[in-house]
Structures are given as structure tokens and as C-alpha cells.
């Protein structure tokens, strides 16, 4: 069992886009680093960081 196994946050992220068009952030509607064709929740770097802070595993 690894040290990080208690954390329930899924570290999987969509693939980074090679260039425009970029997907829109689902929270603030700013462009993200992910391709527009990605199906799922995408966050811009700022919202991604804020979400990580909010949901960080404490131990």
C-alpha cells in the first residue's frame, strides 16, 4: 500500500492541447490548457489550483 493511497482525489487529467482551440473552464469560462474536443470537466490553471487547495487531502 503506498503512502498516497488514502487520498480519494483522482490524479488523472485530460491531455494537454497542442494549440487552439482550447476547452473553456467550467467555473470561470477562461481558456484552459486542454483541447476543446475533450469531453468532461476542464478547469483553467487558476481554478484547478483553487480546487486542489479546497479538496486537498490532509493527514
N, C-alpha and C. Protein backbone atom coordinates (compact mmCIF):
# COMPACT_ATOMS: atom_id res chain seq x y z
N UNK A 1 0.85 -1.18 0.00
CA UNK A 1 0.00 0.00 0.00
C UNK A 1 0.89 1.24 0.00
N UNK A 2 0.67 2.14 -0.93
CA UNK A 2 1.51 3.33 -1.00
C UNK A 2 1.04 4.38 0.00
N UNK A 3 1.92 5.30 0.25
CA UNK A 3 1.64 6.36 1.22
C UNK A 3 0.46 7.24 0.78
N UNK A 4 0.26 7.38 -0.53
CA UNK A 4 -0.79 8.25 -1.06
C UNK A 4 -2.12 7.53 -1.27
N UNK A 5 -2.23 6.27 -0.91
CA UNK A 5 -3.43 5.50 -1.22
C UNK A 5 -4.67 5.96 -0.46
N UNK A 6 -4.51 6.72 0.61
CA UNK A 6 -5.66 7.20 1.36
C UNK A 6 -6.37 8.35 0.67
N UNK A 7 -5.72 9.02 -0.25
CA UNK A 7 -6.27 10.19 -0.93
C UNK A 7 -7.28 9.75 -1.98
N UNK A 8 -8.48 10.33 -1.95
CA UNK A 8 -9.54 9.93 -2.87
C UNK A 8 -9.59 10.76 -4.14
N UNK A 9 -8.72 11.76 -4.26
CA UNK A 9 -8.72 12.61 -5.45
C UNK A 9 -8.10 11.85 -6.61
N UNK A 10 -8.79 11.83 -7.73
CA UNK A 10 -8.28 11.15 -8.92
C UNK A 10 -7.26 12.05 -9.61
N UNK A 11 -6.00 11.64 -9.68
CA UNK A 11 -4.98 12.49 -10.28
C UNK A 11 -5.03 12.53 -11.80
N UNK A 12 -5.91 11.76 -12.43
CA UNK A 12 -5.99 11.73 -13.89
C UNK A 12 -6.48 13.08 -14.41
N UNK A 13 -5.82 13.54 -15.47
CA UNK A 13 -6.18 14.81 -16.09
C UNK A 13 -6.36 14.59 -17.58
N UNK A 14 -7.13 15.46 -18.22
CA UNK A 14 -7.24 15.35 -19.68
C UNK A 14 -5.89 15.68 -20.32
N UNK A 15 -5.67 15.23 -21.55
CA UNK A 15 -4.40 15.51 -22.22
C UNK A 15 -4.26 17.00 -22.54
N UNK A 16 -3.06 17.52 -22.48
CA UNK A 16 -2.80 18.93 -22.82
C UNK A 16 -3.00 19.13 -24.32
N UNK A 17 -3.51 20.29 -24.70
CA UNK A 17 -3.73 20.61 -26.11
C UNK A 17 -2.43 21.07 -26.75
N UNK A 18 -2.25 20.76 -28.02
CA UNK A 18 -1.07 21.22 -28.76
C UNK A 18 -1.23 22.67 -29.18
N UNK A 19 -2.46 23.16 -29.24
CA UNK A 19 -2.73 24.53 -29.65
C UNK A 19 -4.23 24.77 -29.66
N UNK A 20 -4.65 25.97 -30.03
CA UNK A 20 -6.08 26.28 -30.04
C UNK A 20 -6.84 25.36 -30.98
N UNK A 21 -8.11 25.15 -30.80
CA UNK A 21 -8.98 25.75 -29.79
C UNK A 21 -8.85 25.02 -28.45
N UNK A 22 -8.98 25.79 -27.38
CA UNK A 22 -8.89 25.26 -26.03
C UNK A 22 -10.28 25.13 -25.41
N UNK A 23 -10.43 24.16 -24.53
CA UNK A 23 -11.69 23.99 -23.81
C UNK A 23 -11.87 25.16 -22.85
N UNK A 24 -13.12 25.46 -22.54
CA UNK A 24 -13.46 26.54 -21.62
C UNK A 24 -13.50 25.99 -20.19
N UNK A 25 -13.03 26.77 -19.23
CA UNK A 25 -13.11 26.38 -17.82
C UNK A 25 -14.58 26.33 -17.41
N UNK A 26 -14.97 25.27 -16.71
CA UNK A 26 -16.37 25.11 -16.32
C UNK A 26 -16.76 26.06 -15.20
N UNK A 27 -15.79 26.68 -14.54
CA UNK A 27 -16.11 27.60 -13.44
C UNK A 27 -16.09 29.07 -13.87
N UNK A 28 -15.01 29.48 -14.55
CA UNK A 28 -14.87 30.92 -14.88
C UNK A 28 -14.95 31.21 -16.38
N UNK A 29 -15.03 30.18 -17.20
CA UNK A 29 -15.14 30.28 -18.66
C UNK A 29 -13.90 30.81 -19.36
N UNK A 30 -12.76 30.86 -18.65
CA UNK A 30 -11.49 31.23 -19.28
C UNK A 30 -10.96 30.03 -20.05
N UNK A 31 -10.06 30.24 -21.01
CA UNK A 31 -9.48 29.11 -21.75
C UNK A 31 -8.63 28.25 -20.81
N UNK A 32 -8.65 26.95 -21.06
CA UNK A 32 -7.83 26.02 -20.27
C UNK A 32 -6.63 25.59 -21.11
N UNK A 33 -5.86 24.65 -20.59
CA UNK A 33 -4.73 24.09 -21.33
C UNK A 33 -5.12 22.81 -22.04
N UNK A 34 -6.42 22.50 -22.07
CA UNK A 34 -6.89 21.23 -22.61
C UNK A 34 -7.62 21.45 -23.94
N UNK A 35 -7.64 20.43 -24.80
CA UNK A 35 -8.27 20.59 -26.12
C UNK A 35 -9.79 20.77 -26.00
N UNK A 36 -10.34 21.54 -26.90
CA UNK A 36 -11.78 21.80 -26.91
C UNK A 36 -12.57 20.50 -27.11
N UNK A 37 -11.97 19.54 -27.77
CA UNK A 37 -12.64 18.27 -28.06
C UNK A 37 -12.76 17.37 -26.83
N UNK A 38 -12.07 17.69 -25.73
CA UNK A 38 -12.12 16.85 -24.53
C UNK A 38 -13.51 16.87 -23.93
N UNK A 39 -14.06 15.69 -23.68
CA UNK A 39 -15.39 15.57 -23.07
C UNK A 39 -15.21 15.36 -21.58
N UNK A 40 -15.65 16.29 -20.79
CA UNK A 40 -15.52 16.17 -19.34
C UNK A 40 -15.27 17.52 -18.72
N UNK A 41 -15.03 17.53 -17.43
CA UNK A 41 -14.82 18.76 -16.69
C UNK A 41 -13.40 19.26 -16.92
N UNK A 42 -13.28 20.51 -17.36
CA UNK A 42 -11.97 21.12 -17.55
C UNK A 42 -11.90 22.40 -16.74
N UNK A 43 -10.75 22.63 -16.14
CA UNK A 43 -10.54 23.83 -15.33
C UNK A 43 -9.31 24.58 -15.84
N UNK A 44 -9.35 25.91 -15.77
CA UNK A 44 -8.19 26.71 -16.12
C UNK A 44 -7.15 26.52 -15.00
N UNK A 45 -5.90 26.92 -15.22
CA UNK A 45 -4.87 26.73 -14.19
C UNK A 45 -5.23 27.37 -12.84
N UNK A 46 -5.85 28.54 -12.85
CA UNK A 46 -6.20 29.21 -11.59
C UNK A 46 -7.27 28.42 -10.84
N UNK A 47 -8.35 28.05 -11.52
CA UNK A 47 -9.43 27.30 -10.87
C UNK A 47 -8.95 25.90 -10.47
N UNK A 48 -8.07 25.31 -11.29
CA UNK A 48 -7.52 24.00 -10.96
C UNK A 48 -6.74 24.07 -9.64
N UNK A 49 -5.93 25.11 -9.50
CA UNK A 49 -5.15 25.30 -8.27
C UNK A 49 -6.08 25.53 -7.07
N UNK A 50 -7.10 26.38 -7.25
CA UNK A 50 -8.03 26.67 -6.15
C UNK A 50 -8.80 25.41 -5.75
N UNK A 51 -9.19 24.60 -6.72
CA UNK A 51 -9.91 23.36 -6.43
C UNK A 51 -8.99 22.38 -5.69
N UNK A 52 -7.73 22.33 -6.10
CA UNK A 52 -6.78 21.44 -5.42
C UNK A 52 -6.60 21.88 -3.97
N UNK A 53 -6.54 23.18 -3.71
CA UNK A 53 -6.42 23.70 -2.36
C UNK A 53 -7.65 23.35 -1.53
N UNK A 54 -8.83 23.47 -2.14
CA UNK A 54 -10.07 23.23 -1.45
C UNK A 54 -10.25 21.75 -1.08
N UNK A 55 -9.81 20.88 -1.98
CA UNK A 55 -10.05 19.45 -1.78
C UNK A 55 -8.81 18.69 -1.32
N UNK A 56 -7.76 19.39 -0.94
CA UNK A 56 -6.51 18.73 -0.56
C UNK A 56 -6.74 17.73 0.58
N UNK A 57 -6.08 16.60 0.45
CA UNK A 57 -6.15 15.58 1.48
C UNK A 57 -5.25 16.02 2.64
N UNK A 58 -5.79 15.97 3.81
CA UNK A 58 -4.96 16.30 4.98
C UNK A 58 -4.74 15.01 5.75
N UNK A 59 -3.61 14.90 6.35
CA UNK A 59 -3.34 13.64 7.01
C UNK A 59 -2.49 13.71 8.16
